[in-house]
């Protein structure tokens, strides 16, 4: 469910997949700063998805 919540707009730079109970995120970026910015954005989305799941509201329909 978290992986679906952070589905990316540019799959050539970010790959998200689940492995068992883990979430793997792979980022390809032209610089460390760009990779960090991308990961910060993704982590904000992960946090929002976790809060939604924890609230019992579930994903939007």
N, C-alpha and C. Protein backbone atom coordinates (compact mmCIF):
# COMPACT_ATOMS: atom_id res chain seq x y z
N UNK A 1 0.82 -1.19 0.00
CA UNK A 1 0.00 0.00 0.00
C UNK A 1 0.87 1.27 0.00
N UNK A 2 1.97 1.24 0.77
CA UNK A 2 2.87 2.39 0.80
C UNK A 2 3.50 2.60 -0.57
N UNK A 3 3.91 1.52 -1.22
CA UNK A 3 4.53 1.63 -2.54
C UNK A 3 3.58 2.31 -3.52
N UNK A 4 2.31 1.97 -3.48
CA UNK A 4 1.33 2.60 -4.37
C UNK A 4 1.17 4.08 -4.06
N UNK A 5 1.30 4.44 -2.79
CA UNK A 5 1.13 5.85 -2.38
C UNK A 5 2.27 6.73 -2.87
N UNK A 6 3.43 6.13 -3.11
CA UNK A 6 4.57 6.95 -3.54
C UNK A 6 4.95 6.67 -4.99
N UNK A 7 4.00 6.19 -5.75
CA UNK A 7 4.23 5.95 -7.17
C UNK A 7 4.81 7.22 -7.79
N UNK A 8 5.88 7.06 -8.53
CA UNK A 8 6.63 8.22 -9.00
C UNK A 8 6.22 8.66 -10.40
N UNK A 9 6.48 9.95 -10.66
CA UNK A 9 6.17 10.52 -11.97
C UNK A 9 7.27 10.24 -12.98
N UNK A 10 8.49 9.99 -12.52
CA UNK A 10 9.61 9.77 -13.42
C UNK A 10 10.29 8.45 -13.10
N UNK A 11 9.76 7.35 -13.63
CA UNK A 11 10.30 6.04 -13.29
C UNK A 11 11.73 5.80 -13.79
N UNK A 12 12.25 6.66 -14.67
CA UNK A 12 13.63 6.48 -15.11
C UNK A 12 14.62 6.92 -14.04
N UNK A 13 14.17 7.69 -13.05
CA UNK A 13 15.05 8.15 -11.98
C UNK A 13 14.78 7.46 -10.65
N UNK A 14 13.58 6.94 -10.45
CA UNK A 14 13.22 6.32 -9.17
C UNK A 14 12.50 5.00 -9.42
N UNK A 15 12.95 3.97 -8.70
CA UNK A 15 12.30 2.66 -8.76
C UNK A 15 11.86 2.30 -7.34
N UNK A 16 10.60 1.94 -7.19
CA UNK A 16 10.06 1.56 -5.89
C UNK A 16 9.51 0.14 -6.02
N UNK A 17 9.91 -0.71 -5.08
CA UNK A 17 9.38 -2.08 -5.08
C UNK A 17 9.31 -2.59 -3.66
N UNK A 18 8.46 -3.58 -3.47
CA UNK A 18 8.36 -4.22 -2.16
C UNK A 18 9.02 -5.59 -2.24
N UNK A 19 9.71 -5.93 -1.18
CA UNK A 19 10.36 -7.22 -1.05
C UNK A 19 9.97 -7.73 0.33
N UNK A 20 9.13 -8.77 0.34
CA UNK A 20 8.57 -9.29 1.59
C UNK A 20 7.88 -8.15 2.33
N UNK A 21 8.34 -7.79 3.49
CA UNK A 21 7.72 -6.72 4.29
C UNK A 21 8.49 -5.41 4.18
N UNK A 22 9.44 -5.33 3.24
CA UNK A 22 10.29 -4.15 3.11
C UNK A 22 9.95 -3.36 1.85
N UNK A 23 10.27 -2.09 1.91
CA UNK A 23 10.10 -1.20 0.77
C UNK A 23 11.49 -0.80 0.30
N UNK A 24 11.80 -1.04 -0.97
CA UNK A 24 13.10 -0.66 -1.53
C UNK A 24 12.89 0.49 -2.50
N UNK A 25 13.71 1.52 -2.35
CA UNK A 25 13.65 2.69 -3.23
C UNK A 25 15.04 2.87 -3.83
N UNK A 26 15.11 2.91 -5.14
CA UNK A 26 16.37 3.11 -5.85
C UNK A 26 16.26 4.43 -6.60
N UNK A 27 17.25 5.30 -6.38
CA UNK A 27 17.25 6.62 -7.01
C UNK A 27 18.50 6.75 -7.88
N UNK A 28 18.31 7.22 -9.10
CA UNK A 28 19.41 7.55 -10.00
C UNK A 28 19.31 9.04 -10.25
N UNK A 29 20.36 9.76 -9.87
CA UNK A 29 20.31 11.22 -9.96
C UNK A 29 21.67 11.76 -10.44
N UNK A 30 21.66 12.93 -11.03
CA UNK A 30 22.91 13.51 -11.54
C UNK A 30 23.86 14.00 -10.45
N UNK A 31 23.35 14.14 -9.23
CA UNK A 31 24.20 14.60 -8.13
C UNK A 31 23.65 14.10 -6.81
N UNK A 32 24.49 14.14 -5.79
CA UNK A 32 24.04 13.74 -4.46
C UNK A 32 22.94 14.66 -3.96
N UNK A 33 23.06 15.94 -4.24
CA UNK A 33 22.03 16.90 -3.79
C UNK A 33 20.68 16.59 -4.44
N UNK A 34 20.70 16.25 -5.71
CA UNK A 34 19.46 15.91 -6.41
C UNK A 34 18.86 14.62 -5.84
N UNK A 35 19.70 13.64 -5.56
CA UNK A 35 19.22 12.38 -4.97
C UNK A 35 18.61 12.65 -3.60
N UNK A 36 19.27 13.47 -2.81
CA UNK A 36 18.76 13.78 -1.47
C UNK A 36 17.41 14.48 -1.55
N UNK A 37 17.27 15.43 -2.46
CA UNK A 37 16.00 16.15 -2.61
C UNK A 37 14.88 15.19 -3.01
N UNK A 38 15.18 14.29 -3.93
CA UNK A 38 14.20 13.30 -4.37
C UNK A 38 13.79 12.40 -3.22
N UNK A 39 14.77 11.92 -2.46
CA UNK A 39 14.46 11.04 -1.33
C UNK A 39 13.69 11.77 -0.24
N UNK A 40 14.00 13.03 -0.01
CA UNK A 40 13.24 13.80 0.99
C UNK A 40 11.78 13.92 0.57
N UNK A 41 11.53 14.17 -0.71
CA UNK A 41 10.16 14.23 -1.21
C UNK A 41 9.44 12.89 -1.04
N UNK A 42 10.14 11.81 -1.39
CA UNK A 42 9.53 10.48 -1.26
C UNK A 42 9.25 10.14 0.19
N UNK A 43 10.16 10.48 1.08
CA UNK A 43 9.95 10.17 2.50
C UNK A 43 8.76 10.94 3.07
N UNK A 44 8.54 12.15 2.60
CA UNK A 44 7.36 12.91 3.04
C UNK A 44 6.09 12.18 2.59
N UNK A 45 6.11 11.63 1.39
CA UNK A 45 4.95 10.87 0.89
C UNK A 45 4.76 9.58 1.68
N UNK A 46 5.85 8.90 2.02
CA UNK A 46 5.77 7.69 2.83
C UNK A 46 5.16 8.02 4.19
N UNK A 47 5.62 9.10 4.80
CA UNK A 47 5.10 9.49 6.11
C UNK A 47 3.60 9.78 6.04
N UNK A 48 3.17 10.50 5.00
CA UNK A 48 1.74 10.80 4.85
C UNK A 48 0.93 9.52 4.67
N UNK A 49 1.46 8.57 3.88
CA UNK A 49 0.76 7.31 3.66
C UNK A 49 0.68 6.51 4.96
N UNK A 50 1.76 6.49 5.73
CA UNK A 50 1.75 5.77 7.01
C UNK A 50 0.74 6.39 7.97
N UNK A 51 0.65 7.70 7.99
CA UNK A 51 -0.33 8.36 8.86
C UNK A 51 -1.75 8.01 8.43
N UNK A 52 -1.98 7.97 7.13
CA UNK A 52 -3.32 7.63 6.62
C UNK A 52 -3.68 6.20 7.01
N UNK A 53 -2.75 5.29 6.84
CA UNK A 53 -3.00 3.90 7.20
C UNK A 53 -3.24 3.78 8.70
N UNK A 54 -2.43 4.47 9.49
CA UNK A 54 -2.56 4.42 10.94
C UNK A 54 -3.85 5.02 11.44
N UNK A 55 -4.42 5.95 10.69
CA UNK A 55 -5.67 6.58 11.11
C UNK A 55 -6.88 5.71 10.82
N UNK A 56 -6.67 4.65 10.03
CA UNK A 56 -7.76 3.77 9.67
C UNK A 56 -8.59 4.29 8.49
N UNK A 57 -8.18 5.40 7.91
CA UNK A 57 -8.92 5.94 6.77
C UNK A 57 -8.65 5.16 5.50
N UNK A 58 -7.46 4.57 5.40
CA UNK A 58 -7.11 3.81 4.20
C UNK A 58 -6.83 4.75 3.05
N UNK A 59 -6.48 4.17 1.90
CA UNK A 59 -6.16 4.98 0.74
C UNK A 59 -7.42 5.63 0.15
N UNK A 60 -7.24 6.74 -0.54
CA UNK A 60 -8.40 7.38 -1.17
C UNK A 60 -8.97 6.48 -2.26
N UNK A 61 -10.26 6.56 -2.46
CA UNK A 61 -10.91 5.73 -3.49
C UNK A 61 -11.36 6.58 -4.63
